[in-house]
């Protein structure tokens, strides 16, 4: 597994957690984290 794959997996995990929690603020933070992980994965792929 590459680092990009790892961060993409973390992004997907954060999205799933965001859907599972009942607290809107927590869900929002998890969605933000998911996007950051996705962007980081993209950057890693572009540099390698």
N, C-alpha and C. Protein backbone atom coordinates (compact mmCIF):
# COMPACT_ATOMS: atom_id res chain seq x y z
N UNK A 1 0.85 -1.19 0.00
CA UNK A 1 0.00 0.00 0.00
C UNK A 1 0.89 1.24 0.00
N UNK A 2 0.62 2.14 -0.91
CA UNK A 2 1.38 3.39 -0.97
C UNK A 2 0.84 4.36 0.08
N UNK A 3 1.60 5.43 0.31
CA UNK A 3 1.14 6.47 1.23
C UNK A 3 -0.14 7.10 0.71
N UNK A 4 -0.22 7.29 -0.60
CA UNK A 4 -1.44 7.87 -1.18
C UNK A 4 -2.64 6.97 -0.90
N UNK A 5 -2.46 5.66 -1.06
CA UNK A 5 -3.54 4.72 -0.76
C UNK A 5 -3.96 4.81 0.70
N UNK A 6 -2.97 4.92 1.56
CA UNK A 6 -3.26 5.02 3.00
C UNK A 6 -4.14 6.24 3.28
N UNK A 7 -3.77 7.39 2.73
CA UNK A 7 -4.55 8.60 2.99
C UNK A 7 -5.91 8.55 2.32
N UNK A 8 -6.01 7.90 1.19
CA UNK A 8 -7.32 7.72 0.54
C UNK A 8 -8.21 6.84 1.42
N UNK A 9 -7.63 5.79 1.99
CA UNK A 9 -8.39 4.94 2.91
C UNK A 9 -8.86 5.72 4.14
N UNK A 10 -7.97 6.56 4.66
CA UNK A 10 -8.35 7.38 5.82
C UNK A 10 -9.47 8.35 5.46
N UNK A 11 -9.43 8.87 4.25
CA UNK A 11 -10.50 9.76 3.79
C UNK A 11 -11.83 9.03 3.76
N UNK A 12 -11.82 7.84 3.20
CA UNK A 12 -13.06 7.05 3.14
C UNK A 12 -13.55 6.69 4.52
N UNK A 13 -12.65 6.38 5.41
CA UNK A 13 -13.02 6.04 6.80
C UNK A 13 -13.67 7.25 7.48
N UNK A 14 -13.08 8.42 7.30
CA UNK A 14 -13.64 9.63 7.92
C UNK A 14 -15.03 9.93 7.36
N UNK A 15 -15.23 9.71 6.07
CA UNK A 15 -16.56 9.92 5.47
C UNK A 15 -17.59 8.98 6.08
N UNK A 16 -17.21 7.71 6.24
CA UNK A 16 -18.14 6.74 6.85
C UNK A 16 -18.48 7.13 8.28
N UNK A 17 -17.47 7.55 9.03
CA UNK A 17 -17.71 7.98 10.41
C UNK A 17 -18.61 9.21 10.46
N UNK A 18 -18.40 10.13 9.52
CA UNK A 18 -19.23 11.34 9.47
C UNK A 18 -20.70 11.00 9.29
N UNK A 19 -20.97 9.97 8.51
CA UNK A 19 -22.36 9.55 8.29
C UNK A 19 -22.94 8.83 9.51
N UNK A 20 -22.05 8.24 10.32
CA UNK A 20 -22.51 7.41 11.44
C UNK A 20 -22.77 8.21 12.72
N UNK A 21 -22.12 9.35 12.87
CA UNK A 21 -22.28 10.11 14.11
C UNK A 21 -23.54 10.97 14.07
N UNK A 22 -24.06 11.26 15.24
CA UNK A 22 -25.29 12.05 15.34
C UNK A 22 -25.02 13.53 15.56
N UNK A 23 -23.83 13.86 15.99
CA UNK A 23 -23.50 15.25 16.29
C UNK A 23 -23.10 15.98 15.02
N UNK A 24 -23.83 17.04 14.64
CA UNK A 24 -23.54 17.75 13.39
C UNK A 24 -22.14 18.36 13.35
N UNK A 25 -21.67 18.88 14.47
CA UNK A 25 -20.34 19.49 14.50
C UNK A 25 -19.24 18.44 14.28
N UNK A 26 -19.40 17.29 14.90
CA UNK A 26 -18.45 16.21 14.72
C UNK A 26 -18.47 15.71 13.28
N UNK A 27 -19.66 15.59 12.72
CA UNK A 27 -19.80 15.16 11.34
C UNK A 27 -19.10 16.15 10.40
N UNK A 28 -19.28 17.43 10.64
CA UNK A 28 -18.65 18.47 9.82
C UNK A 28 -17.13 18.36 9.89
N UNK A 29 -16.59 18.17 11.08
CA UNK A 29 -15.13 18.06 11.24
C UNK A 29 -14.60 16.82 10.52
N UNK A 30 -15.32 15.72 10.61
CA UNK A 30 -14.89 14.49 9.93
C UNK A 30 -14.91 14.66 8.41
N UNK A 31 -15.89 15.36 7.90
CA UNK A 31 -15.95 15.63 6.46
C UNK A 31 -14.76 16.51 6.04
N UNK A 32 -14.44 17.49 6.87
CA UNK A 32 -13.28 18.34 6.59
C UNK A 32 -11.99 17.51 6.60
N UNK A 33 -11.86 16.63 7.57
CA UNK A 33 -10.70 15.75 7.63
C UNK A 33 -10.62 14.86 6.40
N UNK A 34 -11.75 14.33 5.98
CA UNK A 34 -11.80 13.45 4.81
C UNK A 34 -11.28 14.20 3.58
N UNK A 35 -11.67 15.44 3.43
CA UNK A 35 -11.22 16.23 2.29
C UNK A 35 -9.72 16.49 2.37
N UNK A 36 -9.21 16.78 3.56
CA UNK A 36 -7.77 16.99 3.72
C UNK A 36 -6.99 15.73 3.37
N UNK A 37 -7.47 14.58 3.84
CA UNK A 37 -6.81 13.32 3.51
C UNK A 37 -6.83 13.08 2.00
N UNK A 38 -7.95 13.36 1.36
CA UNK A 38 -8.07 13.16 -0.09
C UNK A 38 -7.08 14.05 -0.85
N UNK A 39 -7.01 15.31 -0.45
CA UNK A 39 -6.10 16.24 -1.10
C UNK A 39 -4.64 15.82 -0.89
N UNK A 40 -4.33 15.36 0.30
CA UNK A 40 -2.97 14.91 0.58
C UNK A 40 -2.62 13.71 -0.29
N UNK A 41 -3.55 12.79 -0.46
CA UNK A 41 -3.33 11.63 -1.32
C UNK A 41 -3.07 12.08 -2.76
N UNK A 42 -3.84 13.04 -3.23
CA UNK A 42 -3.65 13.57 -4.58
C UNK A 42 -2.26 14.18 -4.74
N UNK A 43 -1.84 14.96 -3.76
CA UNK A 43 -0.53 15.60 -3.83
C UNK A 43 0.59 14.56 -3.85
N UNK A 44 0.43 13.53 -3.04
CA UNK A 44 1.45 12.48 -3.03
C UNK A 44 1.54 11.79 -4.38
N UNK A 45 0.41 11.56 -5.00
CA UNK A 45 0.42 10.91 -6.32
C UNK A 45 1.06 11.80 -7.37
N UNK A 46 0.86 13.09 -7.27
CA UNK A 46 1.42 14.01 -8.26
C UNK A 46 2.93 14.13 -8.13
N UNK A 47 3.46 13.93 -6.93
CA UNK A 47 4.90 14.09 -6.71
C UNK A 47 5.67 12.80 -6.92
N UNK A 48 4.96 11.69 -7.07
CA UNK A 48 5.68 10.41 -7.24
C UNK A 48 5.39 9.81 -8.59
